[in-house]
Amino acid sequence: MKDSIYEIGIIFRGFTIISCTFNEIPIQNMAEEKKDLRSGFISAISSFIESAFNNCSLEYLESANNLFIFKIAQIKSIDSPIKEPFILYGLTDKIKKNTDKFVKKFLEKITPILENFVLKYNNKDFTDIMLFQPFKEDIIEFFSS
């Protein structure tokens, strides 16, 4: 599975707080500005789906050659009295057959990452982006084993 993963990241309040690149995306030259726009796009689409379709969760979007896979969870920041959503996403190769099966397997694989993130960062200061850099190494290690 690792060979088909280009990137895994975490978005909170519309900003990418963690982004791990595993493989370069072929053909496309994704500039840093486009990555920032992607965070806003993912957040907006997820919010729209959740509100428009009675709290249904978006699992993935397909493009010509890639899948954007999403898992939404909640976490409490120190500056908020309530839990807020965050998105763990993966950018992968588009699987020609059994896309739904691949997405399900990917979501099962990343669930421990999501749970570990909540354990480590619940009630932390989410305005300090540097706080999350060690977790980037945890994600890389998780997919290396």
C-alpha atoms as a PDB file:
ATOM      1  CA  MET A   1       0.000   0.000   0.000  1.00  0.00           C
ATOM      2  CA  LYS A   2       2.866   2.404   0.786  1.00  0.00           C
ATOM      3  CA  ASP A   3       3.942   2.486  -2.865  1.00  0.00           C
ATOM      4  CA  SER A   4       0.581   3.912  -3.901  1.00  0.00           C
ATOM      5  CA  ILE A   5       0.533   6.649  -1.226  1.00  0.00           C
ATOM      6  CA  TYR A   6       1.752  10.092  -2.213  1.00  0.00           C
ATOM      7  CA  GLU A   7       0.851  12.074   0.868  1.00  0.00           C
ATOM      8  CA  ILE A   8      -0.847  11.830   4.262  1.00  0.00           C
ATOM      9  CA  GLY A   9      -1.770  14.869   6.270  1.00  0.00           C
ATOM     10  CA  ILE A  10      -3.970  16.364   8.951  1.00  0.00           C
ATOM     11  CA  ILE A  11      -6.130  19.451   8.465  1.00  0.00           C
ATOM     12  CA  PHE A  12      -7.543  21.480  11.358  1.00  0.00           C
ATOM     13  CA  ARG A  13      -9.590  24.678  10.943  1.00  0.00           C
ATOM     14  CA  GLY A  14      -8.849  24.694   7.221  1.00  0.00           C
ATOM     15  CA  PHE A  15      -5.057  24.545   7.576  1.00  0.00           C
ATOM     16  CA  THR A  16      -2.669  21.663   7.034  1.00  0.00           C
ATOM     17  CA  ILE A  17      -0.934  21.113  10.363  1.00  0.00           C
ATOM     18  CA  ILE A  18       0.900  17.955   9.265  1.00  0.00           C
ATOM     19  CA  SER A  19       1.849  16.820   5.781  1.00  0.00           C
ATOM     20  CA  CYS A  20       4.004  13.762   5.036  1.00  0.00           C
ATOM     21  CA  THR A  21       5.127  13.120   1.475  1.00  0.00           C
ATOM     22  CA  PHE A  22       5.949   9.503   0.650  1.00  0.00           C
ATOM     23  CA  ASN A  23       6.205   9.610  -3.143  1.00  0.00           C
ATOM     24  CA  GLU A  24       6.216  12.396  -5.714  1.00  0.00           C
ATOM     25  CA  ILE A  25       2.995  12.799  -7.666  1.00  0.00           C
ATOM     26  CA  PRO A  26       3.798  11.857 -11.261  1.00  0.00           C
ATOM     27  CA  ILE A  27       3.456  14.509 -13.980  1.00  0.00           C
ATOM     28  CA  GLN A  28       2.012  17.127 -11.651  1.00  0.00           C
ATOM     29  CA  ASN A  29       4.301  19.696 -10.093  1.00  0.00           C
ATOM     30  CA  MET A  30       2.408  20.563  -6.920  1.00  0.00           C
ATOM     31  CA  ALA A  31       3.656  23.903  -5.627  1.00  0.00           C
ATOM     32  CA  GLU A  32       3.368  24.810  -1.923  1.00  0.00           C
ATOM     33  CA  GLU A  33       0.650  27.361  -2.709  1.00  0.00           C
ATOM     34  CA  LYS A  34      -1.485  24.639  -4.261  1.00  0.00           C
ATOM     35  CA  LYS A  35      -1.076  22.494  -1.131  1.00  0.00           C
ATOM     36  CA  ASP A  36      -2.476  25.361   0.954  1.00  0.00           C
ATOM     37  CA  LEU A  37      -5.425  25.702  -1.423  1.00  0.00           C
ATOM     38  CA  ARG A  38      -5.972  21.944  -1.217  1.00  0.00           C
ATOM     39  CA  SER A  39      -6.424  22.181   2.573  1.00  0.00           C
ATOM     40  CA  GLY A  40      -9.166  24.754   2.195  1.00  0.00           C
ATOM     41  CA  PHE A  41     -10.801  22.743  -0.562  1.00  0.00           C
ATOM     42  CA  ILE A  42     -10.822  19.539   1.486  1.00  0.00           C
ATOM     43  CA  SER A  43     -12.259  21.369   4.506  1.00  0.00           C
ATOM     44  CA  ALA A  44     -14.949  23.096   2.439  1.00  0.00           C
ATOM     45  CA  ILE A  45     -16.041  19.920   0.653  1.00  0.00           C
ATOM     46  CA  SER A  46     -16.168  17.949   3.911  1.00  0.00           C
ATOM     47  CA  SER A  47     -18.201  20.673   5.643  1.00  0.00           C
ATOM     48  CA  PHE A  48     -20.603  20.886   2.712  1.00  0.00           C
ATOM     49  CA  ILE A  49     -21.169  17.121   2.590  1.00  0.00           C
ATOM     50  CA  GLU A  50     -21.693  16.953   6.349  1.00  0.00           C
ATOM     51  CA  SER A  51     -24.265  19.758   6.441  1.00  0.00           C
ATOM     52  CA  ALA A  52     -26.011  19.027   3.134  1.00  0.00           C
ATOM     53  CA  PHE A  53     -26.465  15.316   3.624  1.00  0.00           C
ATOM     54  CA  ASN A  54     -27.419  14.937   7.285  1.00  0.00           C
ATOM     55  CA  ASN A  55     -23.976  14.398   8.792  1.00  0.00           C
ATOM     56  CA  CYS A  56     -22.903  11.835   6.210  1.00  0.00           C
ATOM     57  CA  SER A  57     -19.168  11.630   5.962  1.00  0.00           C
ATOM     58  CA  LEU A  58     -17.209  11.964   2.740  1.00  0.00           C
ATOM     59  CA  GLU A  59     -14.756   9.090   2.359  1.00  0.00           C
ATOM     60  CA  TYR A  60     -13.041   9.876  -0.924  1.00  0.00           C
ATOM     61  CA  LEU A  61     -12.949  11.951  -4.097  1.00  0.00           C
ATOM     62  CA  GLU A  62     -11.614  10.674  -7.397  1.00  0.00           C
ATOM     63  CA  SER A  63      -9.632  12.608  -9.955  1.00  0.00           C
ATOM     64  CA  ALA A  64      -8.224  11.298 -13.211  1.00  0.00           C
ATOM     65  CA  ASN A  65      -5.318   9.453 -11.605  1.00  0.00           C
ATOM     66  CA  ASN A  66      -5.638   9.994  -7.860  1.00  0.00           C
ATOM     67  CA  LEU A  67      -7.861   9.399  -4.865  1.00  0.00           C
ATOM     68  CA  PHE A  68      -8.244  11.866  -2.018  1.00  0.00           C
ATOM     69  CA  ILE A  69      -9.293   9.738   0.965  1.00  0.00           C
ATOM     70  CA  PHE A  70     -10.660  11.373   4.133  1.00  0.00           C
ATOM     71  CA  LYS A  71     -11.343  10.365   7.699  1.00  0.00           C
ATOM     72  CA  ILE A  72     -12.968  12.971   9.927  1.00  0.00           C
ATOM     73  CA  ALA A  73     -12.687  12.890  13.702  1.00  0.00           C
ATOM     74  CA  GLN A  74     -12.975  15.369  16.546  1.00  0.00           C
ATOM     75  CA  ILE A  75     -10.501  16.809  18.994  1.00  0.00           C
ATOM     76  CA  LYS A  76     -10.563  19.504  21.640  1.00  0.00           C
ATOM     77  CA  SER A  77      -8.167  22.418  21.383  1.00  0.00           C
ATOM     78  CA  ILE A  78      -7.142  24.323  24.511  1.00  0.00           C
ATOM     79  CA  ASP A  79      -8.714  27.517  23.103  1.00  0.00           C
ATOM     80  CA  SER A  80     -12.167  26.025  22.497  1.00  0.00           C
ATOM     81  CA  PRO A  81     -14.792  24.731  24.939  1.00  0.00           C
ATOM     82  CA  ILE A  82     -16.027  22.108  22.443  1.00  0.00           C
ATOM     83  CA  LYS A  83     -14.522  19.411  20.268  1.00  0.00           C
ATOM     84  CA  GLU A  84     -13.862  20.420  16.679  1.00  0.00           C
ATOM     85  CA  PRO A  85     -13.486  18.336  13.537  1.00  0.00           C
ATOM     86  CA  PHE A  86     -10.138  17.552  11.992  1.00  0.00           C
ATOM     87  CA  ILE A  87      -9.464  15.631   8.811  1.00  0.00           C
ATOM     88  CA  LEU A  88      -6.837  12.989   8.266  1.00  0.00           C
ATOM     89  CA  TYR A  89      -6.389  12.670   4.505  1.00  0.00           C
ATOM     90  CA  GLY A  90      -4.447  10.522   2.116  1.00  0.00           C
ATOM     91  CA  LEU A  91      -3.576  11.207  -1.487  1.00  0.00           C
ATOM     92  CA  THR A  92      -3.071   7.937  -3.358  1.00  0.00           C
ATOM     93  CA  ASP A  93      -3.006   6.382  -6.796  1.00  0.00           C
ATOM     94  CA  LYS A  94      -6.445   5.776  -8.217  1.00  0.00           C
ATOM     95  CA  ILE A  95      -7.174   2.064  -8.133  1.00  0.00           C
ATOM     96  CA  LYS A  96      -8.834   0.895 -11.341  1.00  0.00           C
ATOM     97  CA  LYS A  97     -10.729  -1.984  -9.742  1.00  0.00           C
ATOM     98  CA  ASN A  98     -12.404  -2.165  -6.338  1.00  0.00           C
ATOM     99  CA  THR A  99     -11.897   1.462  -5.350  1.00  0.00           C
ATOM    100  CA  ASP A 100     -14.336   1.088  -2.448  1.00  0.00           C
ATOM    101  CA  LYS A 101     -12.424  -1.924  -1.127  1.00  0.00           C
ATOM    102  CA  PHE A 102      -9.103  -0.058  -1.355  1.00  0.00           C
ATOM    103  CA  VAL A 103     -10.573   2.977   0.439  1.00  0.00           C
ATOM    104  CA  LYS A 104     -11.957   0.766   3.211  1.00  0.00           C
ATOM    105  CA  LYS A 105      -8.554  -0.909   3.653  1.00  0.00           C
ATOM    106  CA  PHE A 106      -6.798   2.481   3.675  1.00  0.00           C
ATOM    107  CA  LEU A 107      -9.205   3.878   6.294  1.00  0.00           C
ATOM    108  CA  GLU A 108      -8.670   0.812   8.500  1.00  0.00           C
ATOM    109  CA  LYS A 109      -4.899   1.231   8.143  1.00  0.00           C
ATOM    110  CA  ILE A 110      -4.912   4.904   9.187  1.00  0.00           C
ATOM    111  CA  THR A 111      -7.329   4.536  12.125  1.00  0.00           C
ATOM    112  CA  PRO A 112      -4.499   3.909  14.637  1.00  0.00           C
ATOM    113  CA  ILE A 113      -2.773   7.087  13.403  1.00  0.00           C
ATOM    114  CA  LEU A 114      -5.943   9.064  13.961  1.00  0.00           C
ATOM    115  CA  GLU A 115      -6.483   7.598  17.434  1.00  0.00           C
ATOM    116  CA  ASN A 116      -2.850   8.237  18.398  1.00  0.00           C
ATOM    117  CA  PHE A 117      -3.141  11.861  17.239  1.00  0.00           C
ATOM    118  CA  VAL A 118      -6.187  12.415  19.471  1.00  0.00           C
ATOM    119  CA  LEU A 119      -4.409  10.832  22.450  1.00  0.00           C
ATOM    120  CA  LYS A 120      -1.302  13.000  22.006  1.00  0.00           C
ATOM    121  CA  TYR A 121      -2.886  16.341  21.146  1.00  0.00           C
ATOM    122  CA  ASN A 122      -6.282  16.554  22.868  1.00  0.00           C
ATOM    123  CA  ASN A 123      -6.438  19.838  24.876  1.00  0.00           C
ATOM    124  CA  LYS A 124      -3.236  21.180  23.283  1.00  0.00           C
ATOM    125  CA  ASP A 125      -2.560  24.583  21.704  1.00  0.00           C
ATOM    126  CA  PHE A 126      -3.350  24.117  18.013  1.00  0.00           C
ATOM    127  CA  THR A 127      -2.004  27.568  17.136  1.00  0.00           C
ATOM    128  CA  ASP A 128       1.552  26.267  17.606  1.00  0.00           C
ATOM    129  CA  ILE A 129       2.128  24.371  14.359  1.00  0.00           C
ATOM    130  CA  MET A 130       5.610  23.266  15.461  1.00  0.00           C
ATOM    131  CA  LEU A 131       3.939  21.204  18.207  1.00  0.00           C
ATOM    132  CA  PHE A 132       2.855  18.689  15.562  1.00  0.00           C
ATOM    133  CA  GLN A 133       6.173  18.148  13.771  1.00  0.00           C
ATOM    134  CA  PRO A 134       7.169  15.114  15.913  1.00  0.00           C
ATOM    135  CA  PHE A 135       3.909  13.425  14.905  1.00  0.00           C
ATOM    136  CA  LYS A 136       4.972  13.677  11.270  1.00  0.00           C
ATOM    137  CA  GLU A 137       7.805  11.283  12.149  1.00  0.00           C
ATOM    138  CA  ASP A 138       5.290   8.950  13.837  1.00  0.00           C
ATOM    139  CA  ILE A 139       3.300   8.767  10.587  1.00  0.00           C
ATOM    140  CA  ILE A 140       6.413   8.087   8.513  1.00  0.00           C
ATOM    141  CA  GLU A 141       7.528   5.375  10.965  1.00  0.00           C
ATOM    142  CA  PHE A 142       4.056   3.804  10.951  1.00  0.00           C
ATOM    143  CA  PHE A 143       4.165   3.357   7.184  1.00  0.00           C
ATOM    144  CA  SER A 144       7.791   2.204   7.210  1.00  0.00           C
ATOM    145  CA  SER A 145       6.992  -0.841   9.329  1.00  0.00           C
END
